[in-house]
């Protein structure tokens, strides 16, 4: 649903489907609120840790990863299925896991004194 003049309206998908790639790119470039990024901007932007890639590289199930690193299973699933994104502290934590998964797990296993 789209809002126009305070009223809900259905998107005209047939119009979108009929657009050529060039038309779609021209429309995107013309959007002052959300212009597309250049290749250089994309390359320079910070990479978001991909939790699913990290988990699979460690050969862990969602349940194992969740238990090992203290991340609620529902939260992990939401991140992997793009229903939500990790906040800044969670992103930092995922980077730590990605860099040194064994020591991260060992530190968590020791607990706080």
Protein backbone atom coordinates (compact mmCIF):
# COMPACT_ATOMS: atom_id res chain seq x y z
CA UNK A 1 0.00 0.00 0.00
CA UNK A 2 1.13 3.53 -0.78
CA UNK A 3 -0.10 6.76 0.71
CA UNK A 4 -0.95 9.60 -1.59
CA UNK A 5 -2.70 12.74 -0.37
CA UNK A 6 -3.50 10.93 2.87
CA UNK A 7 -5.23 8.03 1.07
CA UNK A 8 -4.07 4.45 0.68
CA UNK A 9 -3.49 3.37 -2.90
CA UNK A 10 -2.40 0.10 -4.46
CA UNK A 11 0.90 0.06 -6.33
CA UNK A 12 0.52 -0.29 -10.08
CA UNK A 13 2.79 -3.30 -10.53
CA UNK A 14 1.90 -3.72 -14.19
CA UNK A 15 3.42 -0.29 -14.80
CA UNK A 16 6.53 -1.27 -12.87
CA UNK A 17 6.81 -4.59 -14.73
CA UNK A 18 6.53 -2.77 -18.07
CA UNK A 19 9.50 -0.51 -17.22
CA UNK A 20 12.81 -1.15 -18.92
CA UNK A 21 15.94 -1.41 -16.78
CA UNK A 22 17.01 1.98 -18.09
CA UNK A 23 13.71 3.55 -17.00
CA UNK A 24 14.00 1.97 -13.56
CA UNK A 25 17.56 3.28 -13.14
CA UNK A 26 16.50 6.74 -14.35
CA UNK A 27 13.69 6.77 -11.78
CA UNK A 28 16.06 5.66 -9.03
CA UNK A 29 18.61 8.34 -9.95
CA UNK A 30 15.85 10.94 -9.89
CA UNK A 31 14.74 10.12 -6.33
CA UNK A 32 16.17 12.94 -4.18
CA UNK A 33 15.36 11.11 -0.93
CA UNK A 34 17.12 7.86 -1.76
CA UNK A 35 19.51 8.10 -4.71
CA UNK A 36 21.37 4.93 -5.70
CA UNK A 37 24.95 4.61 -4.45
CA UNK A 38 27.90 4.65 -6.80
CA UNK A 39 30.23 1.66 -6.96
CA UNK A 40 32.79 3.64 -4.98
CA UNK A 41 30.25 4.44 -2.25
CA UNK A 42 29.25 0.79 -2.00
CA UNK A 43 32.90 -0.32 -1.78
CA UNK A 44 33.64 2.28 0.92
CA UNK A 45 30.63 1.46 3.06
CA UNK A 46 31.13 -0.68 6.14
CA UNK A 47 30.34 -4.33 5.59
CA UNK A 48 27.65 -5.78 7.81
CA UNK A 49 28.63 -9.12 9.28
CA UNK A 50 26.51 -11.84 7.73
CA UNK A 51 25.53 -14.02 10.67
CA UNK A 52 24.44 -16.90 8.46
CA UNK A 53 27.81 -16.92 6.67
CA UNK A 54 29.65 -16.86 10.01
CA UNK A 55 27.49 -19.65 11.45
CA UNK A 56 27.87 -21.85 8.39
CA UNK A 57 31.65 -21.30 8.29
CA UNK A 58 31.75 -22.58 11.86
CA UNK A 59 29.59 -25.54 10.80
CA UNK A 60 27.07 -24.83 13.56
CA UNK A 61 23.30 -25.18 13.51
CA UNK A 62 21.23 -22.18 14.52
CA UNK A 63 20.63 -23.84 17.89
CA UNK A 64 24.34 -24.52 18.44
CA UNK A 65 25.39 -21.00 17.42
CA UNK A 66 22.69 -19.50 19.62
CA UNK A 67 23.76 -21.50 22.67
CA UNK A 68 27.49 -21.07 22.08
CA UNK A 69 27.39 -17.28 21.73
CA UNK A 70 24.39 -16.42 23.91
CA UNK A 71 22.26 -15.02 21.11
CA UNK A 72 18.54 -15.76 21.50
CA UNK A 73 17.48 -18.28 18.88
CA UNK A 74 14.54 -16.14 17.70
CA UNK A 75 16.83 -13.14 17.27
CA UNK A 76 19.32 -15.21 15.28
CA UNK A 77 16.57 -16.51 13.01
CA UNK A 78 15.21 -13.00 12.50
CA UNK A 79 18.67 -11.77 11.46
CA UNK A 80 19.23 -14.68 9.09
CA UNK A 81 15.82 -14.30 7.49
CA UNK A 82 16.19 -10.50 7.21
CA UNK A 83 13.19 -9.80 9.43
CA UNK A 84 15.45 -7.57 11.51
CA UNK A 85 19.06 -6.41 11.52
CA UNK A 86 21.61 -6.53 14.32
CA UNK A 87 22.01 -3.22 16.13
CA UNK A 88 25.46 -1.62 16.45
CA UNK A 89 26.59 -3.56 19.56
CA UNK A 90 25.39 -6.84 17.99
CA UNK A 91 27.30 -6.02 14.78
CA UNK A 92 30.46 -5.46 16.81
CA UNK A 93 29.87 -8.76 18.64
CA UNK A 94 29.41 -10.61 15.34
CA UNK A 95 32.70 -9.14 14.10
CA UNK A 96 34.44 -10.44 17.22
CA UNK A 97 32.92 -13.88 16.67
CA UNK A 98 34.00 -13.84 13.02
CA UNK A 99 37.60 -12.87 13.86
CA UNK A 100 38.14 -15.29 16.76
CA UNK A 101 35.23 -17.66 17.31
CA UNK A 102 37.09 -20.05 19.62
CA UNK A 103 38.37 -17.43 22.06
CA UNK A 104 35.01 -15.66 22.03
CA UNK A 105 33.25 -18.89 23.00
CA UNK A 106 35.91 -19.64 25.63
CA UNK A 107 35.53 -16.18 27.16
CA UNK A 108 31.79 -16.62 27.35
CA UNK A 109 32.15 -20.08 28.89
CA UNK A 110 34.30 -18.65 31.71
CA UNK A 111 31.55 -16.25 32.71
CA UNK A 112 32.00 -13.10 34.70
CA UNK A 113 33.89 -13.33 38.01
